[in-house]
């Protein structure tokens, strides 16, 4: 259960990162509201998951999920380019997150 909450919090990390970018320096109110809502929910999920999971593991998974999805969102929206090196590194990152789950 805590792993699902942690992954959900990681997804929300990607949401708040994308909303922060879309806010254009906090000048657009809808992305700003989404940023604060997603940020609050993401941090709450991370904090709750850390009541049962080790801090380092929880934080690494949260950042890994959020970073991976943020890059994927950037590629989907055309704001970032995908290269073979990026694909390999993202696969390694996801593999590390899965590895942390396996050994925990």
Protein backbone atom coordinates (compact mmCIF):
# COMPACT_ATOMS: atom_id res chain seq x y z
CA UNK A 1 0.00 0.00 0.00
CA UNK A 2 2.77 2.46 0.92
CA UNK A 3 4.54 1.76 -2.35
CA UNK A 4 1.41 2.69 -4.31
CA UNK A 5 1.06 5.90 -2.32
CA UNK A 6 4.73 6.66 -2.92
CA UNK A 7 4.46 6.13 -6.68
CA UNK A 8 1.32 8.29 -6.73
CA UNK A 9 3.25 11.01 -4.89
CA UNK A 10 5.98 10.68 -7.51
CA UNK A 11 3.42 11.14 -10.28
CA UNK A 12 2.18 14.27 -8.52
CA UNK A 13 5.77 15.51 -8.40
CA UNK A 14 5.80 15.44 -12.20
CA UNK A 15 2.45 17.26 -12.22
CA UNK A 16 3.69 20.08 -10.01
CA UNK A 17 6.93 20.38 -11.98
CA UNK A 18 5.00 20.72 -15.25
CA UNK A 19 2.57 23.17 -13.66
CA UNK A 20 5.45 25.24 -12.32
CA UNK A 21 6.88 25.50 -15.82
CA UNK A 22 3.47 26.33 -17.29
CA UNK A 23 2.92 29.08 -14.70
CA UNK A 24 5.57 31.22 -16.43
CA UNK A 25 7.08 32.48 -13.20
CA UNK A 26 3.83 32.36 -11.22
CA UNK A 27 2.13 34.72 -13.71
CA UNK A 28 -0.65 32.34 -14.81
CA UNK A 29 -3.08 31.55 -12.01
CA UNK A 30 -4.44 28.15 -13.13
CA UNK A 31 -1.03 26.46 -13.32
CA UNK A 32 -0.10 28.16 -10.02
CA UNK A 33 -3.16 26.65 -8.31
CA UNK A 34 -2.39 23.23 -9.83
CA UNK A 35 1.23 23.59 -8.70
CA UNK A 36 0.28 24.21 -5.07
CA UNK A 37 -2.37 21.49 -4.96
CA UNK A 38 -0.10 18.88 -6.56
CA UNK A 39 2.88 19.97 -4.45
CA UNK A 40 0.90 19.64 -1.23
CA UNK A 41 -0.53 16.24 -2.17
CA UNK A 42 2.86 15.01 -3.38
CA UNK A 43 4.62 16.01 -0.17
CA UNK A 44 1.83 14.55 1.95
CA UNK A 45 2.05 11.25 0.07
CA UNK A 46 5.84 11.16 0.47
CA UNK A 47 5.58 11.95 4.17
CA UNK A 48 2.92 9.29 4.71
CA UNK A 49 4.90 6.64 2.80
CA UNK A 50 7.95 7.46 4.91
CA UNK A 51 6.10 6.33 8.03
CA UNK A 52 6.71 2.74 6.88
CA UNK A 53 9.46 2.97 4.26
CA UNK A 54 13.07 4.00 4.87
CA UNK A 55 13.65 7.69 4.19
CA UNK A 56 16.41 7.23 1.62
CA UNK A 57 14.48 4.61 -0.32
CA UNK A 58 11.25 6.60 -0.28
CA UNK A 59 12.97 9.79 -1.39
CA UNK A 60 14.92 8.06 -4.17
CA UNK A 61 11.77 6.42 -5.53
CA UNK A 62 9.78 9.66 -5.30
CA UNK A 63 12.45 11.62 -7.17
CA UNK A 64 13.01 8.84 -9.71
CA UNK A 65 9.34 8.53 -10.61
CA UNK A 66 8.88 12.30 -10.72
CA UNK A 67 12.00 12.97 -12.77
CA UNK A 68 11.24 10.23 -15.28
CA UNK A 69 7.67 11.37 -15.83
CA UNK A 70 8.74 15.00 -16.06
CA UNK A 71 11.16 14.14 -18.87
CA UNK A 72 8.51 12.03 -20.60
CA UNK A 73 6.05 14.93 -20.36
CA UNK A 74 8.64 17.28 -21.83
CA UNK A 75 9.18 14.92 -24.76
CA UNK A 76 5.43 14.43 -25.33
CA UNK A 77 4.80 18.18 -25.35
CA UNK A 78 7.77 18.81 -27.63
CA UNK A 79 9.74 20.88 -25.13
CA UNK A 80 12.54 18.31 -24.82
CA UNK A 81 14.26 16.10 -27.34
CA UNK A 82 14.79 12.41 -26.82
CA UNK A 83 18.13 10.81 -27.62
CA UNK A 84 19.44 7.29 -27.28
CA UNK A 85 21.51 8.37 -24.28
CA UNK A 86 18.46 9.86 -22.55
CA UNK A 87 16.41 6.73 -23.20
CA UNK A 88 19.15 4.52 -21.76
CA UNK A 89 19.55 6.73 -18.69
CA UNK A 90 15.80 6.84 -18.06
CA UNK A 91 15.60 3.04 -18.36
CA UNK A 92 18.46 2.76 -15.86
CA UNK A 93 16.66 5.19 -13.52
CA UNK A 94 13.43 3.22 -13.69
CA UNK A 95 15.41 0.02 -13.19
CA UNK A 96 16.94 1.48 -10.03
CA UNK A 97 13.49 2.38 -8.70
CA UNK A 98 12.25 -1.16 -9.40
CA UNK A 99 15.43 -2.52 -7.82
CA UNK A 100 14.77 -0.55 -4.65
CA UNK A 101 11.32 -2.10 -4.46
CA UNK A 102 12.72 -5.60 -4.98
CA UNK A 103 15.32 -5.31 -2.21
CA UNK A 104 13.01 -3.56 0.26
